[in-house]
C-alpha atoms as a PDB file:
ATOM      1  CA  MET A   1     -28.740 -35.377  25.227  1.00  0.00           C
ATOM      2  CA  ILE A   2     -26.186 -37.845  25.107  1.00  0.00           C
ATOM      3  CA  LEU A   3     -28.174 -40.886  25.611  1.00  0.00           C
ATOM      4  CA  PRO A   4     -28.962 -41.894  22.038  1.00  0.00           C
ATOM      5  CA  PHE A   5     -25.439 -41.399  20.936  1.00  0.00           C
ATOM      6  CA  GLN A   6     -23.647 -43.443  23.671  1.00  0.00           C
ATOM      7  CA  SER A   7     -23.458 -46.616  21.379  1.00  0.00           C
ATOM      8  CA  GLN A   8     -22.030 -45.229  18.226  1.00  0.00           C
ATOM      9  CA  PRO A   9     -19.323 -42.902  17.037  1.00  0.00           C
ATOM     10  CA  ILE A  10     -20.493 -39.263  16.946  1.00  0.00           C
ATOM     11  CA  SER A  11     -19.235 -36.628  14.178  1.00  0.00           C
ATOM     12  CA  HIS A  12     -18.170 -32.958  14.981  1.00  0.00           C
ATOM     13  CA  GLN A  13     -21.240 -31.726  13.223  1.00  0.00           C
ATOM     14  CA  VAL A  14     -23.602 -33.831  15.260  1.00  0.00           C
ATOM     15  CA  LEU A  15     -21.986 -32.516  18.600  1.00  0.00           C
ATOM     16  CA  MET A  16     -22.374 -28.999  17.397  1.00  0.00           C
ATOM     17  CA  SER A  17     -25.863 -29.456  16.835  1.00  0.00           C
ATOM     18  CA  LEU A  18     -26.219 -31.128  20.401  1.00  0.00           C
ATOM     19  CA  LEU A  19     -24.361 -28.019  22.068  1.00  0.00           C
ATOM     20  CA  LYS A  20     -25.948 -25.420  19.986  1.00  0.00           C
ATOM     21  CA  ASP A  21     -27.247 -23.739  23.041  1.00  0.00           C
ATOM     22  CA  TYR A  22     -23.898 -23.152  24.161  1.00  0.00           C
ATOM     23  CA  LYS A  23     -22.284 -19.732  23.042  1.00  0.00           C
ATOM     24  CA  ARG A  24     -18.868 -21.653  22.006  1.00  0.00           C
ATOM     25  CA  PRO A  25     -19.599 -25.149  21.440  1.00  0.00           C
ATOM     26  CA  ASN A  26     -16.322 -25.992  20.279  1.00  0.00           C
ATOM     27  CA  ASP A  27     -14.892 -24.890  23.711  1.00  0.00           C
ATOM     28  CA  LYS A  28     -17.336 -27.279  25.530  1.00  0.00           C
ATOM     29  CA  ILE A  29     -16.213 -30.056  23.056  1.00  0.00           C
ATOM     30  CA  ASN A  30     -12.643 -29.224  24.212  1.00  0.00           C
ATOM     31  CA  GLU A  31     -13.835 -29.209  27.782  1.00  0.00           C
ATOM     32  CA  LEU A  32     -15.292 -32.503  27.300  1.00  0.00           C
ATOM     33  CA  VAL A  33     -12.081 -34.274  25.769  1.00  0.00           C
ATOM     34  CA  LYS A  34     -10.076 -32.577  28.488  1.00  0.00           C
ATOM     35  CA  ASP A  35     -12.564 -33.992  31.190  1.00  0.00           C
ATOM     36  CA  ASP A  36     -12.465 -37.692  29.665  1.00  0.00           C
ATOM     37  CA  LYS A  37     -16.128 -37.555  28.751  1.00  0.00           C
ATOM     38  CA  LEU A  38     -15.424 -37.658  25.118  1.00  0.00           C
ATOM     39  CA  ILE A  39     -13.030 -39.929  23.425  1.00  0.00           C
ATOM     40  CA  PRO A  40     -11.300 -38.385  19.968  1.00  0.00           C
ATOM     41  CA  LEU A  41     -11.035 -41.510  17.513  1.00  0.00           C
ATOM     42  CA  LYS A  42      -9.722 -39.065  14.539  1.00  0.00           C
ATOM     43  CA  ARG A  43     -10.413 -35.674  13.252  1.00  0.00           C
ATOM     44  CA  GLY A  44     -14.023 -34.863  13.712  1.00  0.00           C
ATOM     45  CA  VAL A  45     -15.331 -38.232  15.089  1.00  0.00           C
ATOM     46  CA  TYR A  46     -15.614 -39.094  18.900  1.00  0.00           C
ATOM     47  CA  ILE A  47     -17.164 -41.507  21.279  1.00  0.00           C
ATOM     48  CA  TRP A  48     -18.704 -40.944  24.762  1.00  0.00           C
ATOM     49  CA  ASN A  49     -16.343 -42.562  27.508  1.00  0.00           C
ATOM     50  CA  SER A  50     -19.309 -44.769  28.867  1.00  0.00           C
ATOM     51  CA  ALA A  51     -20.463 -48.239  29.647  1.00  0.00           C
ATOM     52  CA  GLN A  52     -22.282 -48.122  26.580  1.00  0.00           C
ATOM     53  CA  GLN A  53     -19.652 -47.135  24.079  1.00  0.00           C
ATOM     54  CA  PRO A  54     -19.583 -48.775  20.981  1.00  0.00           C
ATOM     55  CA  GLU A  55     -17.698 -52.261  20.106  1.00  0.00           C
ATOM     56  CA  ASN A  56     -14.304 -51.806  18.678  1.00  0.00           C
ATOM     57  CA  PHE A  57     -15.571 -53.570  15.497  1.00  0.00           C
ATOM     58  CA  THR A  58     -18.342 -51.165  15.124  1.00  0.00           C
ATOM     59  CA  ILE A  59     -15.963 -48.175  15.510  1.00  0.00           C
ATOM     60  CA  ALA A  60     -13.692 -49.766  12.803  1.00  0.00           C
ATOM     61  CA  ASN A  61     -16.519 -49.879  10.399  1.00  0.00           C
ATOM     62  CA  ALA A  62     -17.738 -46.316  10.977  1.00  0.00           C
ATOM     63  CA  LEU A  63     -14.035 -44.724  11.264  1.00  0.00           C
ATOM     64  CA  TYR A  64     -13.338 -45.212   7.877  1.00  0.00           C
ATOM     65  CA  GLY A  65     -15.539 -46.810   4.805  1.00  0.00           C
ATOM     66  CA  PRO A  66     -16.482 -48.704   2.853  1.00  0.00           C
ATOM     67  CA  SER A  67     -14.804 -51.011   4.926  1.00  0.00           C
ATOM     68  CA  TYR A  68     -14.967 -54.444   6.828  1.00  0.00           C
ATOM     69  CA  ILE A  69     -13.115 -56.223   9.308  1.00  0.00           C
ATOM     70  CA  SER A  70     -11.001 -59.027   7.890  1.00  0.00           C
ATOM     71  CA  VAL A  71      -7.365 -60.864   8.124  1.00  0.00           C
ATOM     72  CA  GLU A  72      -6.037 -61.787  11.807  1.00  0.00           C
ATOM     73  CA  SER A  73      -8.896 -59.693  13.337  1.00  0.00           C
ATOM     74  CA  ALA A  74     -11.810 -61.668  11.752  1.00  0.00           C
ATOM     75  CA  LEU A  75     -10.080 -65.018  11.881  1.00  0.00           C
ATOM     76  CA  SER A  76      -9.552 -64.677  15.521  1.00  0.00           C
ATOM     77  CA  PHE A  77     -13.304 -63.579  15.760  1.00  0.00           C
ATOM     78  CA  HIS A  78     -14.288 -66.705  14.071  1.00  0.00           C
ATOM     79  CA  SER A  79     -12.133 -68.931  16.239  1.00  0.00           C
ATOM     80  CA  ILE A  80      -9.873 -70.073  13.261  1.00  0.00           C
ATOM     81  CA  ILE A  81      -6.584 -68.775  14.762  1.00  0.00           C
ATOM     82  CA  PRO A  82      -5.651 -69.168  18.748  1.00  0.00           C
ATOM     83  CA  GLU A  83      -4.187 -65.804  19.327  1.00  0.00           C
ATOM     84  CA  GLN A  84      -5.884 -62.942  20.722  1.00  0.00           C
ATOM     85  CA  VAL A  85      -5.491 -59.986  18.297  1.00  0.00           C
ATOM     86  CA  PHE A  86      -4.723 -56.413  19.397  1.00  0.00           C
ATOM     87  CA  GLY A  87      -5.535 -53.703  16.985  1.00  0.00           C
ATOM     88  CA  ILE A  88      -7.959 -54.109  14.389  1.00  0.00           C
ATOM     89  CA  THR A  89      -7.452 -54.674  10.664  1.00  0.00           C
ATOM     90  CA  SER A  90     -10.084 -54.008   7.992  1.00  0.00           C
ATOM     91  CA  MET A  91     -10.113 -53.963   4.209  1.00  0.00           C
ATOM     92  CA  THR A  92     -11.484 -50.900   2.063  1.00  0.00           C
ATOM     93  CA  THR A  93     -11.779 -49.547  -1.363  1.00  0.00           C
ATOM     94  CA  LYS A  94     -10.058 -46.324  -0.508  1.00  0.00           C
ATOM     95  CA  GLN A  95      -6.470 -46.010   0.223  1.00  0.00           C
ATOM     96  CA  SER A  96      -4.639 -47.915   3.040  1.00  0.00           C
ATOM     97  CA  LYS A  97      -4.685 -45.892   6.159  1.00  0.00           C
ATOM     98  CA  VAL A  98      -3.813 -46.143   9.903  1.00  0.00           C
ATOM     99  CA  PHE A  99      -5.445 -44.620  13.001  1.00  0.00           C
ATOM    100  CA  ASP A 100      -3.752 -44.730  16.353  1.00  0.00           C
ATOM    101  CA  ASN A 101      -6.206 -43.544  19.257  1.00  0.00           C
ATOM    102  CA  ARG A 102      -6.918 -44.597  22.809  1.00  0.00           C
ATOM    103  CA  ILE A 103      -9.130 -47.346  21.907  1.00  0.00           C
ATOM    104  CA  CYS A 104      -6.542 -49.215  19.709  1.00  0.00           C
ATOM    105  CA  ARG A 105      -4.868 -49.243  16.426  1.00  0.00           C
ATOM    106  CA  PHE A 106      -7.384 -49.173  13.578  1.00  0.00           C
ATOM    107  CA  GLU A 107      -5.526 -50.273  10.450  1.00  0.00           C
ATOM    108  CA  TYR A 108      -7.260 -50.427   6.738  1.00  0.00           C
ATOM    109  CA  LYS A 109      -5.850 -52.193   3.592  1.00  0.00           C
ATOM    110  CA  HIS A 110      -6.733 -51.529   0.164  1.00  0.00           C
ATOM    111  CA  LEU A 111      -8.555 -54.070  -1.950  1.00  0.00           C
ATOM    112  CA  THR A 112      -9.999 -53.479  -5.543  1.00  0.00           C
ATOM    113  CA  THR A 113     -13.608 -54.074  -6.767  1.00  0.00           C
ATOM    114  CA  PRO A 114     -15.313 -56.523  -7.194  1.00  0.00           C
ATOM    115  CA  TYR A 115     -13.243 -58.885  -5.231  1.00  0.00           C
ATOM    116  CA  PHE A 116     -13.575 -56.404  -2.161  1.00  0.00           C
ATOM    117  CA  SER A 117     -17.437 -57.092  -2.053  1.00  0.00           C
ATOM    118  CA  PHE A 118     -17.114 -60.861  -1.686  1.00  0.00           C
ATOM    119  CA  GLY A 119     -17.674 -62.743   1.573  1.00  0.00           C
ATOM    120  CA  ILE A 120     -18.686 -60.203   4.040  1.00  0.00           C
ATOM    121  CA  LYS A 121     -21.358 -60.841   6.627  1.00  0.00           C
ATOM    122  CA  GLN A 122     -23.067 -58.547   9.176  1.00  0.00           C
ATOM    123  CA  GLU A 123     -22.384 -60.006  12.512  1.00  0.00           C
ATOM    124  CA  LYS A 124     -24.050 -59.323  15.950  1.00  0.00           C
ATOM    125  CA  LEU A 125     -21.691 -58.116  18.586  1.00  0.00           C
ATOM    126  CA  ARG A 126     -24.205 -57.488  21.194  1.00  0.00           C
ATOM    127  CA  GLU A 127     -27.918 -56.494  21.394  1.00  0.00           C
ATOM    128  CA  ASP A 128     -27.470 -52.901  19.623  1.00  0.00           C
ATOM    129  CA  GLN A 129     -24.226 -53.880  18.052  1.00  0.00           C
ATOM    130  CA  PHE A 130     -23.560 -55.050  14.777  1.00  0.00           C
ATOM    131  CA  ALA A 131     -20.484 -54.911  12.194  1.00  0.00           C
ATOM    132  CA  LEU A 132     -19.396 -56.177   8.745  1.00  0.00           C
ATOM    133  CA  VAL A 133     -17.102 -58.835   9.305  1.00  0.00           C
ATOM    134  CA  ALA A 134     -15.137 -61.045   6.709  1.00  0.00           C
ATOM    135  CA  CYS A 135     -16.298 -64.558   6.786  1.00  0.00           C
ATOM    136  CA  SER A 136     -13.332 -67.119   7.520  1.00  0.00           C
ATOM    137  CA  GLU A 137     -12.577 -68.019   3.763  1.00  0.00           C
ATOM    138  CA  LYS A 138     -12.436 -64.229   2.721  1.00  0.00           C
ATOM    139  CA  ALA A 139     -10.290 -63.296   5.852  1.00  0.00           C
ATOM    140  CA  LEU A 140      -7.660 -65.818   4.797  1.00  0.00           C
ATOM    141  CA  PHE A 141      -7.490 -64.940   1.260  1.00  0.00           C
ATOM    142  CA  ASP A 142      -7.375 -61.220   2.253  1.00  0.00           C
ATOM    143  CA  LYS A 143      -4.263 -62.161   4.521  1.00  0.00           C
ATOM    144  CA  ILE A 144      -2.374 -63.803   1.734  1.00  0.00           C
ATOM    145  CA  ILE A 145      -3.497 -61.061  -0.787  1.00  0.00           C
ATOM    146  CA  THR A 146      -2.611 -57.928   1.524  1.00  0.00           C
ATOM    147  CA  THR A 147       0.634 -59.600   2.959  1.00  0.00           C
ATOM    148  CA  SER A 148       3.680 -58.661   0.977  1.00  0.00           C
ATOM    149  CA  GLY A 149       6.045 -61.649   0.558  1.00  0.00           C
ATOM    150  CA  ILE A 150       3.454 -64.155   0.615  1.00  0.00           C
ATOM    151  CA  LEU A 151       3.786 -66.295  -2.578  1.00  0.00           C
ATOM    152  CA  PHE A 152       3.073 -69.875  -2.776  1.00  0.00           C
ATOM    153  CA  ARG A 153       4.561 -72.024  -5.571  1.00  0.00           C
ATOM    154  CA  SER A 154       3.292 -75.557  -4.252  1.00  0.00           C
ATOM    155  CA  GLU A 155       0.549 -77.046  -1.913  1.00  0.00           C
ATOM    156  CA  GLN A 156       3.175 -77.658   0.592  1.00  0.00           C
ATOM    157  CA  ALA A 157       4.174 -74.081   0.988  1.00  0.00           C
ATOM    158  CA  ALA A 158       0.377 -73.089   1.353  1.00  0.00           C
ATOM    159  CA  SER A 159       0.030 -75.978   4.045  1.00  0.00           C
ATOM    160  CA  GLU A 160       2.947 -74.854   6.037  1.00  0.00           C
ATOM    161  CA  PHE A 161       1.501 -71.290   6.018  1.00  0.00           C
ATOM    162  CA  LEU A 162      -1.694 -72.155   7.273  1.00  0.00           C
ATOM    163  CA  LEU A 163      -0.846 -75.023   9.854  1.00  0.00           C
ATOM    164  CA  GLU A 164       2.475 -73.945  11.086  1.00  0.00           C
ATOM    165  CA  ASN A 165       2.809 -70.258  10.278  1.00  0.00           C
ATOM    166  CA  MET A 166      -1.069 -69.104  11.030  1.00  0.00           C
ATOM    167  CA  ARG A 167      -1.506 -72.080  13.356  1.00  0.00           C
ATOM    168  CA  MET A 168      -5.073 -72.398  11.788  1.00  0.00           C
ATOM    169  CA  ASP A 169      -7.573 -75.085  13.136  1.00  0.00           C
ATOM    170  CA  GLU A 170      -7.253 -78.032  10.909  1.00  0.00           C
ATOM    171  CA  GLU A 171     -10.851 -78.900  11.470  1.00  0.00           C
ATOM    172  CA  GLN A 172     -12.109 -75.556  10.853  1.00  0.00           C
ATOM    173  CA  LEU A 173     -10.191 -75.300   7.642  1.00  0.00           C
ATOM    174  CA  LYS A 174     -11.948 -78.643   6.453  1.00  0.00           C
ATOM    175  CA  SER A 175     -15.252 -77.003   6.734  1.00  0.00           C
ATOM    176  CA  PHE A 176     -14.327 -74.126   4.500  1.00  0.00           C
ATOM    177  CA  ASP A 177     -16.368 -73.670   1.285  1.00  0.00           C
ATOM    178  CA  ILE A 178     -14.051 -74.189  -1.288  1.00  0.00           C
ATOM    179  CA  GLU A 179     -16.759 -73.887  -4.038  1.00  0.00           C
ATOM    180  CA  MET A 180     -17.110 -70.229  -2.884  1.00  0.00           C
ATOM    181  CA  MET A 181     -13.489 -69.630  -2.629  1.00  0.00           C
ATOM    182  CA  GLN A 182     -12.941 -70.900  -6.015  1.00  0.00           C
ATOM    183  CA  SER A 183     -15.560 -68.453  -7.498  1.00  0.00           C
ATOM    184  CA  TRP A 184     -13.616 -65.450  -6.055  1.00  0.00           C
ATOM    185  CA  ILE A 185     -10.305 -66.178  -7.856  1.00  0.00           C
ATOM    186  CA  ILE A 186     -10.980 -65.105 -11.269  1.00  0.00           C
ATOM    187  CA  ASP A 187     -11.424 -61.262  -9.802  1.00  0.00           C
ATOM    188  CA  ALA A 188      -8.590 -61.798  -7.131  1.00  0.00           C
ATOM    189  CA  PRO A 189      -4.777 -60.772  -6.991  1.00  0.00           C
ATOM    190  CA  LYS A 190      -2.189 -63.523  -6.402  1.00  0.00           C
ATOM    191  CA  LYS A 191      -4.448 -66.079  -8.238  1.00  0.00           C
ATOM    192  CA  GLU A 192      -1.644 -69.096  -8.094  1.00  0.00           C
ATOM    193  CA  SER A 193      -1.174 -68.532  -4.331  1.00  0.00           C
ATOM    194  CA  LEU A 194      -5.049 -68.581  -3.549  1.00  0.00           C
ATOM    195  CA  SER A 195      -5.354 -71.764  -5.839  1.00  0.00           C
ATOM    196  CA  PHE A 196      -2.555 -73.594  -4.103  1.00  0.00           C
ATOM    197  CA  THR A 197      -4.219 -72.367  -0.622  1.00  0.00           C
ATOM    198  CA  ILE A 198      -7.507 -74.152  -1.805  1.00  0.00           C
ATOM    199  CA  LYS A 199      -5.628 -77.293  -2.920  1.00  0.00           C
ATOM    200  CA  ALA A 200      -4.050 -77.426   0.339  1.00  0.00           C
ATOM    201  CA  ILE A 201      -7.189 -77.349   2.165  1.00  0.00           C
ATOM    202  CA  GLU A 202      -8.774 -79.981   0.065  1.00  0.00           C
ATOM    203  CA  LYS A 203      -5.945 -82.278   0.970  1.00  0.00           C
ATOM    204  CA  LEU A 204      -6.547 -81.991   4.734  1.00  0.00           C
END
Protein backbone atom coordinates (compact mmCIF):
# COMPACT_ATOMS: atom_id res chain seq x y z
CA MET A 1 0.00 0.00 0.00
CA ILE A 2 2.61 2.55 1.03
CA LEU A 3 5.50 1.48 -1.21
CA PRO A 4 4.70 3.85 -4.13
CA PHE A 5 4.57 6.78 -1.67
CA GLN A 6 7.72 6.21 0.41
CA SER A 7 9.91 8.60 -1.60
CA GLN A 8 7.60 11.61 -1.67
CA PRO A 9 5.52 13.71 0.72
CA ILE A 10 1.98 12.43 1.00
CA SER A 11 -1.15 14.50 1.57
CA HIS A 12 -3.93 13.81 4.06
CA GLN A 13 -6.30 13.34 1.12
CA VAL A 14 -4.15 10.59 -0.40
CA LEU A 15 -3.78 8.92 2.99
CA MET A 16 -7.55 8.94 3.40
CA SER A 17 -7.95 7.18 0.05
CA LEU A 18 -5.31 4.59 0.98
CA LEU A 19 -7.05 3.94 4.29
CA LYS A 20 -10.59 3.97 2.92
CA ASP A 21 -11.26 0.43 4.14
CA TYR A 22 -10.86 1.57 7.75
CA LYS A 23 -14.01 2.66 9.52
CA ARG A 24 -12.15 5.63 11.06
CA PRO A 25 -9.23 6.48 8.75
CA ASN A 26 -8.32 9.63 10.72
CA ASP A 27 -7.83 7.53 13.83
CA LYS A 28 -5.54 5.24 11.82
CA ILE A 29 -3.49 8.25 10.64
CA ASN A 30 -3.12 9.43 14.25
CA GLU A 31 -2.07 5.92 15.25
CA LEU A 32 0.59 5.83 12.49
CA VAL A 33 1.96 9.18 13.70
CA LYS A 34 1.96 7.99 17.32
CA ASP A 35 3.79 4.79 16.29
CA ASP A 36 6.40 6.88 14.44
CA LYS A 37 5.54 5.31 11.10
CA LEU A 38 4.29 8.60 9.71
CA ILE A 39 6.08 11.94 10.20
CA PRO A 40 3.98 15.15 10.01
CA LEU A 41 5.63 17.95 8.02
CA LYS A 42 2.83 20.50 8.27
CA ARG A 43 -0.92 20.33 8.61
CA GLY A 44 -2.16 17.75 6.11
CA VAL A 45 1.26 16.68 4.75
CA TYR A 46 3.35 13.72 5.89
CA ILE A 47 6.20 11.41 4.92
CA TRP A 48 6.63 7.75 5.75
CA ASN A 49 9.40 7.05 8.25
CA SER A 50 11.43 4.67 6.08
CA ALA A 51 14.83 4.23 4.48
CA GLN A 52 13.30 5.47 1.22
CA GLN A 53 11.93 8.73 2.59
CA PRO A 54 12.41 11.75 0.31
CA GLU A 55 15.50 13.98 0.31
CA ASN A 56 15.14 17.21 2.29
CA PHE A 57 15.40 19.34 -0.88
CA THR A 58 12.54 17.33 -2.43
CA ILE A 59 10.49 17.88 0.71
CA ALA A 60 11.24 21.63 0.61
CA ASN A 61 9.98 21.91 -2.98
CA ALA A 62 6.78 20.02 -2.13
CA LEU A 63 6.04 21.63 1.22
CA TYR A 64 5.36 25.14 -0.09
CA GLY A 65 5.31 26.14 -3.70
CA PRO A 66 6.12 27.44 -6.15
CA SER A 67 9.58 27.44 -4.59
CA TYR A 68 13.22 26.55 -5.21
CA ILE A 69 16.22 25.98 -2.93
CA SER A 70 18.50 29.03 -2.66
CA VAL A 71 20.91 31.20 -0.64
CA GLU A 72 23.24 29.25 1.72
CA SER A 73 21.39 25.98 1.09
CA ALA A 74 22.12 26.17 -2.64
CA LEU A 75 25.60 27.69 -2.23
CA SER A 76 26.59 24.81 0.05
CA PHE A 77 25.06 22.28 -2.37
CA HIS A 78 27.23 23.76 -5.16
CA SER A 79 30.31 23.81 -2.85
CA ILE A 80 30.65 27.60 -3.12
CA ILE A 81 30.75 28.07 0.66
CA PRO A 82 32.58 25.79 3.11
CA GLU A 83 29.98 25.65 5.87
CA GLN A 84 27.49 22.86 6.26
CA VAL A 85 24.01 24.35 6.34
CA PHE A 86 21.38 23.23 8.84
CA GLY A 87 17.85 23.99 7.79
CA ILE A 88 16.79 24.70 4.23
CA THR A 89 15.99 28.11 2.77
CA SER A 90 13.94 28.50 -0.39
CA MET A 91 12.54 31.35 -2.45
CA THR A 92 8.83 31.57 -3.25
CA THR A 93 6.38 33.88 -5.00
CA LYS A 94 4.03 33.42 -2.05
CA GLN A 95 4.34 35.17 1.30
CA SER A 96 7.35 34.29 3.44
CA LYS A 97 6.83 31.27 5.66
CA VAL A 98 8.64 28.96 8.11
CA PHE A 99 7.87 25.32 8.88
CA ASP A 100 9.61 23.66 11.81
CA ASN A 101 9.21 19.91 11.94
CA ARG A 102 11.16 16.79 12.88
CA ILE A 103 13.08 16.76 9.62
CA CYS A 104 14.48 20.30 9.86
CA ARG A 105 13.57 23.98 9.60
CA PHE A 106 12.17 24.90 6.20
CA GLU A 107 12.21 28.65 5.53
CA TYR A 108 10.70 30.38 2.49
CA LYS A 109 11.45 33.97 1.46
CA HIS A 110 9.30 36.01 -0.90
CA LEU A 111 10.54 37.17 -4.32
CA THR A 112 8.62 38.95 -7.05
CA THR A 113 8.32 37.82 -10.65
CA PRO A 114 9.84 37.79 -13.21
CA TYR A 115 13.09 37.85 -11.19
CA PHE A 116 11.95 34.77 -9.23
CA SER A 117 12.01 32.55 -12.33
CA PHE A 118 15.65 33.21 -13.34
CA GLY A 119 18.52 30.81 -12.74
CA ILE A 120 16.65 27.73 -11.52
CA LYS A 121 17.84 24.22 -12.36
CA GLN A 122 16.42 20.77 -11.74
CA GLU A 123 19.11 18.88 -9.84
CA LYS A 124 19.28 15.11 -9.44
CA LEU A 125 19.70 14.20 -5.77
CA ARG A 126 19.55 10.43 -6.10
CA GLU A 127 18.08 7.88 -8.50
CA ASP A 128 14.44 8.82 -7.94
CA GLN A 129 14.83 12.26 -6.38
CA PHE A 130 15.02 15.66 -8.03
CA ALA A 131 14.66 19.23 -6.75
CA LEU A 132 14.55 22.76 -8.13
CA VAL A 133 17.72 24.52 -6.95
CA ALA A 134 19.10 27.99 -7.75
CA CYS A 135 22.29 28.01 -9.76
CA SER A 136 25.28 29.49 -7.89
CA GLU A 137 24.88 32.95 -9.42
CA LYS A 138 21.17 33.16 -8.53
CA ALA A 139 21.73 31.84 -5.00
CA LEU A 140 24.27 34.62 -4.41
CA PHE A 141 21.95 37.32 -5.77
CA ASP A 142 19.08 35.95 -3.67
CA LYS A 143 21.26 36.11 -0.56
CA ILE A 144 22.02 39.79 -1.17
CA ILE A 145 18.43 40.67 -2.06
CA THR A 146 16.68 38.88 0.80
CA THR A 147 19.09 39.77 3.63
CA SER A 148 18.12 43.01 5.30
CA GLY A 149 21.04 45.34 5.93
CA ILE A 150 23.07 44.25 2.90
CA LEU A 151 23.59 47.36 0.75
CA PHE A 152 26.90 47.76 -1.08
CA ARG A 153 28.19 51.25 -1.88
CA SER A 154 31.46 50.08 -3.44
CA GLU A 155 33.20 47.14 -5.12
CA GLN A 156 35.36 46.77 -2.03
CA ALA A 157 32.33 46.32 0.22
CA ALA A 158 30.97 43.67 -2.12
CA SER A 159 34.34 41.91 -2.30
CA GLU A 160 34.68 41.83 1.49
CA PHE A 161 31.20 40.34 1.78
CA LEU A 162 31.97 37.59 -0.76
CA LEU A 163 35.42 36.58 0.43
CA GLU A 164 35.44 37.41 4.14
CA ASN A 165 31.86 37.33 5.30
CA MET A 166 30.56 34.49 3.11
CA ARG A 167 34.00 32.83 2.69
CA MET A 168 33.12 31.99 -0.89
CA ASP A 169 35.55 30.02 -3.04
CA GLU A 170 37.47 32.52 -5.19
CA GLU A 171 38.10 30.10 -8.05
CA GLN A 172 34.41 29.20 -8.17
CA LEU A 173 33.49 32.90 -8.21
CA LYS A 174 35.77 33.46 -11.21
CA SER A 175 33.73 30.90 -13.14
CA PHE A 176 30.42 32.72 -12.56
CA ASP A 177 28.45 33.66 -15.68
CA ILE A 178 28.68 37.47 -15.47
CA GLU A 179 26.67 38.07 -18.63
CA MET A 180 23.76 36.03 -17.27
CA MET A 181 23.90 37.88 -13.95
CA GLN A 182 23.86 41.23 -15.74
CA SER A 183 20.71 40.21 -17.62
CA TRP A 184 18.83 39.66 -14.34
CA ILE A 185 19.54 43.07 -12.79
CA ILE A 186 16.88 44.99 -14.73
CA ASP A 187 14.16 42.98 -12.95
CA ALA A 188 15.89 42.63 -9.59
CA PRO A 189 15.70 44.57 -6.31
CA LYS A 190 18.91 46.14 -4.91
CA LYS A 191 20.25 46.83 -8.40
CA GLU A 192 23.20 48.93 -7.18
CA SER A 193 24.38 46.25 -4.72
CA LEU A 194 24.11 43.56 -7.40
CA SER A 195 26.08 45.71 -9.86
CA PHE A 196 28.88 46.20 -7.33
CA THR A 197 28.86 42.45 -6.71
CA ILE A 198 29.38 41.75 -10.40
CA LYS A 199 32.22 44.31 -10.58
CA ALA A 200 33.89 42.73 -7.55
CA ILE A 201 33.73 39.28 -9.18
CA GLU A 202 35.12 40.64 -12.46
CA LYS A 203 38.19 41.98 -10.61
CA LEU A 204 39.11 38.68 -8.98
